[in-house]
C-alpha cells in the first residue's frame, strides 16, 4: 500500500477516490516504563521505552488503516494525518489515530 501525507503522488495519476479511512490504537504504558522514564526525566536524556511504545502504536494504526483501504479496493492512501493523545485517569494510555483518503492510483 502506497501511503503519503501529500494530496498527490508524484508520477502517479489518481483514477478513483474510495473515501476516508482511519486507524486507531490505544496502548497502555506499564509501570516499569513509567519508572525508567521518570529516572530519565531527572537525569536527562531520551526515554527509549516511550519512544518505542509510540513507534509501535503508530505502526499498528497505519497498518490497520492500510488494511481498511485495501478492503475498499484502494492501492494508495493520500493526505495522511497522524494524531497522538494521552488518555486515562493518570494519562496512562496512549492513543494514536491516523486518517487519510483511500484512492486508486496508476
C-alpha atoms as a PDB file:
ATOM      1  CA  UNK A   1       0.000   0.000   0.000  1.00  0.00           C
ATOM      2  CA  UNK A   2       1.439   3.342  -1.072  1.00  0.00           C
ATOM      3  CA  UNK A   3       0.954   5.945   1.681  1.00  0.00           C
ATOM      4  CA  UNK A   4       1.640   9.685   1.548  1.00  0.00           C
ATOM      5  CA  UNK A   5       0.969  12.764   3.630  1.00  0.00           C
ATOM      6  CA  UNK A   6       0.603  14.781   0.435  1.00  0.00           C
ATOM      7  CA  UNK A   7      -2.585  15.235  -1.625  1.00  0.00           C
ATOM      8  CA  UNK A   8      -0.987  13.719  -4.721  1.00  0.00           C
ATOM      9  CA  UNK A   9       1.599  11.081  -5.505  1.00  0.00           C
ATOM     10  CA  UNK A  10       4.372  12.262  -7.806  1.00  0.00           C
ATOM     11  CA  UNK A  11       4.444  10.299 -11.038  1.00  0.00           C
ATOM     12  CA  UNK A  12       1.081   8.631 -10.347  1.00  0.00           C
ATOM     13  CA  UNK A  13      -2.395   9.544 -11.501  1.00  0.00           C
ATOM     14  CA  UNK A  14      -5.315   9.260  -9.081  1.00  0.00           C
ATOM     15  CA  UNK A  15      -8.043   7.484 -11.036  1.00  0.00           C
ATOM     16  CA  UNK A  16     -10.571   6.883  -8.258  1.00  0.00           C
ATOM     17  CA  UNK A  17     -11.328   8.171  -4.774  1.00  0.00           C
ATOM     18  CA  UNK A  18     -12.617   5.438  -2.451  1.00  0.00           C
ATOM     19  CA  UNK A  19     -13.239   7.521   0.682  1.00  0.00           C
ATOM     20  CA  UNK A  20     -11.865   8.299   4.116  1.00  0.00           C
ATOM     21  CA  UNK A  21     -10.021   5.634   6.079  1.00  0.00           C
ATOM     22  CA  UNK A  22      -8.930   5.556   9.702  1.00  0.00           C
ATOM     23  CA  UNK A  23      -6.745   3.534  12.028  1.00  0.00           C
ATOM     24  CA  UNK A  24      -6.736   3.796  15.800  1.00  0.00           C
ATOM     25  CA  UNK A  25      -4.681   2.177  18.528  1.00  0.00           C
ATOM     26  CA  UNK A  26      -4.966   2.693  22.280  1.00  0.00           C
ATOM     27  CA  UNK A  27      -1.998   1.366  24.202  1.00  0.00           C
ATOM     28  CA  UNK A  28      -1.254   1.202  27.916  1.00  0.00           C
ATOM     29  CA  UNK A  29       2.137   2.093  29.318  1.00  0.00           C
ATOM     30  CA  UNK A  30       3.312  -0.212  32.078  1.00  0.00           C
ATOM     31  CA  UNK A  31       4.765   0.709  35.462  1.00  0.00           C
ATOM     32  CA  UNK A  32       8.357  -0.262  34.561  1.00  0.00           C
ATOM     33  CA  UNK A  33       8.409   2.056  31.563  1.00  0.00           C
ATOM     34  CA  UNK A  34       6.963   4.821  33.767  1.00  0.00           C
ATOM     35  CA  UNK A  35       9.617   4.212  36.422  1.00  0.00           C
ATOM     36  CA  UNK A  36      12.546   4.286  33.981  1.00  0.00           C
ATOM     37  CA  UNK A  37      11.210   7.304  32.131  1.00  0.00           C
ATOM     38  CA  UNK A  38      10.936   9.123  35.474  1.00  0.00           C
ATOM     39  CA  UNK A  39      14.624   8.431  36.069  1.00  0.00           C
ATOM     40  CA  UNK A  40      15.410   9.771  32.601  1.00  0.00           C
ATOM     41  CA  UNK A  41      13.423  12.926  33.390  1.00  0.00           C
ATOM     42  CA  UNK A  42      15.607  13.519  36.452  1.00  0.00           C
ATOM     43  CA  UNK A  43      18.997  12.812  34.833  1.00  0.00           C
ATOM     44  CA  UNK A  44      18.114  13.973  31.320  1.00  0.00           C
ATOM     45  CA  UNK A  45      18.099  12.127  28.047  1.00  0.00           C
ATOM     46  CA  UNK A  46      15.529  10.436  25.903  1.00  0.00           C
ATOM     47  CA  UNK A  47      13.022   7.873  27.066  1.00  0.00           C
ATOM     48  CA  UNK A  48      13.562   4.907  24.759  1.00  0.00           C
ATOM     49  CA  UNK A  49      10.696   2.989  26.370  1.00  0.00           C
ATOM     50  CA  UNK A  50       8.150   5.664  25.477  1.00  0.00           C
ATOM     51  CA  UNK A  51       9.652   6.243  22.050  1.00  0.00           C
ATOM     52  CA  UNK A  52       9.343   2.526  21.316  1.00  0.00           C
ATOM     53  CA  UNK A  53       5.738   2.490  22.527  1.00  0.00           C
ATOM     54  CA  UNK A  54       4.847   5.454  20.308  1.00  0.00           C
ATOM     55  CA  UNK A  55       6.542   3.910  17.272  1.00  0.00           C
ATOM     56  CA  UNK A  56       4.788   0.566  17.773  1.00  0.00           C
ATOM     57  CA  UNK A  57       1.366   2.193  18.249  1.00  0.00           C
ATOM     58  CA  UNK A  58       1.849   4.382  15.160  1.00  0.00           C
ATOM     59  CA  UNK A  59       2.882   1.392  13.025  1.00  0.00           C
ATOM     60  CA  UNK A  60      -0.158  -0.601  14.186  1.00  0.00           C
ATOM     61  CA  UNK A  61      -2.517   2.308  13.427  1.00  0.00           C
ATOM     62  CA  UNK A  62      -1.021   2.760   9.935  1.00  0.00           C
ATOM     63  CA  UNK A  63      -1.280  -0.971   9.244  1.00  0.00           C
ATOM     64  CA  UNK A  64      -4.912  -1.006  10.398  1.00  0.00           C
ATOM     65  CA  UNK A  65      -5.702   1.918   8.096  1.00  0.00           C
ATOM     66  CA  UNK A  66      -3.949   0.226   5.156  1.00  0.00           C
ATOM     67  CA  UNK A  67      -6.000  -2.960   5.665  1.00  0.00           C
ATOM     68  CA  UNK A  68      -9.230  -0.940   5.668  1.00  0.00           C
ATOM     69  CA  UNK A  69      -8.202   0.882   2.481  1.00  0.00           C
ATOM     70  CA  UNK A  70      -7.349  -2.418   0.806  1.00  0.00           C
ATOM     71  CA  UNK A  71     -10.817  -3.763   1.654  1.00  0.00           C
ATOM     72  CA  UNK A  72     -12.248  -0.692  -0.113  1.00  0.00           C
ATOM     73  CA  UNK A  73     -10.275  -1.577  -3.253  1.00  0.00           C
ATOM     74  CA  UNK A  74      -7.647   1.161  -2.873  1.00  0.00           C
ATOM     75  CA  UNK A  75      -3.960   0.782  -3.624  1.00  0.00           C
ATOM     76  CA  UNK A  76      -2.857   4.048  -2.002  1.00  0.00           C
ATOM     77  CA  UNK A  77      -3.726   6.442   0.816  1.00  0.00           C
ATOM     78  CA  UNK A  78      -3.106  10.168   0.465  1.00  0.00           C
ATOM     79  CA  UNK A  79      -3.360  13.129   2.836  1.00  0.00           C
ATOM     80  CA  UNK A  80      -2.386  11.057   5.869  1.00  0.00           C
ATOM     81  CA  UNK A  81      -2.620  12.777   9.247  1.00  0.00           C
ATOM     82  CA  UNK A  82      -1.266  11.294  12.477  1.00  0.00           C
ATOM     83  CA  UNK A  83      -2.543  12.424  15.899  1.00  0.00           C
ATOM     84  CA  UNK A  84      -1.404  11.476  19.412  1.00  0.00           C
ATOM     85  CA  UNK A  85      -3.387  11.804  22.640  1.00  0.00           C
ATOM     86  CA  UNK A  86      -2.908  10.666  26.218  1.00  0.00           C
ATOM     87  CA  UNK A  87      -5.939   9.190  27.944  1.00  0.00           C
ATOM     88  CA  UNK A  88      -6.926   7.668  31.245  1.00  0.00           C
ATOM     89  CA  UNK A  89      -7.173   8.675  34.855  1.00  0.00           C
ATOM     90  CA  UNK A  90      -3.452   9.354  35.170  1.00  0.00           C
ATOM     91  CA  UNK A  91      -2.597   9.718  31.484  1.00  0.00           C
ATOM     92  CA  UNK A  92      -1.518   6.080  31.399  1.00  0.00           C
ATOM     93  CA  UNK A  93      -2.910   5.355  27.946  1.00  0.00           C
ATOM     94  CA  UNK A  94      -1.586   6.462  24.582  1.00  0.00           C
ATOM     95  CA  UNK A  95      -3.942   6.803  21.606  1.00  0.00           C
ATOM     96  CA  UNK A  96      -2.627   7.079  18.076  1.00  0.00           C
ATOM     97  CA  UNK A  97      -5.157   7.981  15.422  1.00  0.00           C
ATOM     98  CA  UNK A  98      -4.386   8.129  11.701  1.00  0.00           C
ATOM     99  CA  UNK A  99      -6.613   9.181   8.830  1.00  0.00           C
ATOM    100  CA  UNK A 100      -6.340   9.644   5.092  1.00  0.00           C
ATOM    101  CA  UNK A 101      -8.104   9.284   1.769  1.00  0.00           C
ATOM    102  CA  UNK A 102      -8.121   5.872   0.116  1.00  0.00           C
ATOM    103  CA  UNK A 103      -7.517   6.127  -3.630  1.00  0.00           C
ATOM    104  CA  UNK A 104      -6.644   4.071  -6.682  1.00  0.00           C
ATOM    105  CA  UNK A 105      -3.515   5.254  -8.497  1.00  0.00           C
ATOM    106  CA  UNK A 106      -1.833   4.098 -11.674  1.00  0.00           C
END
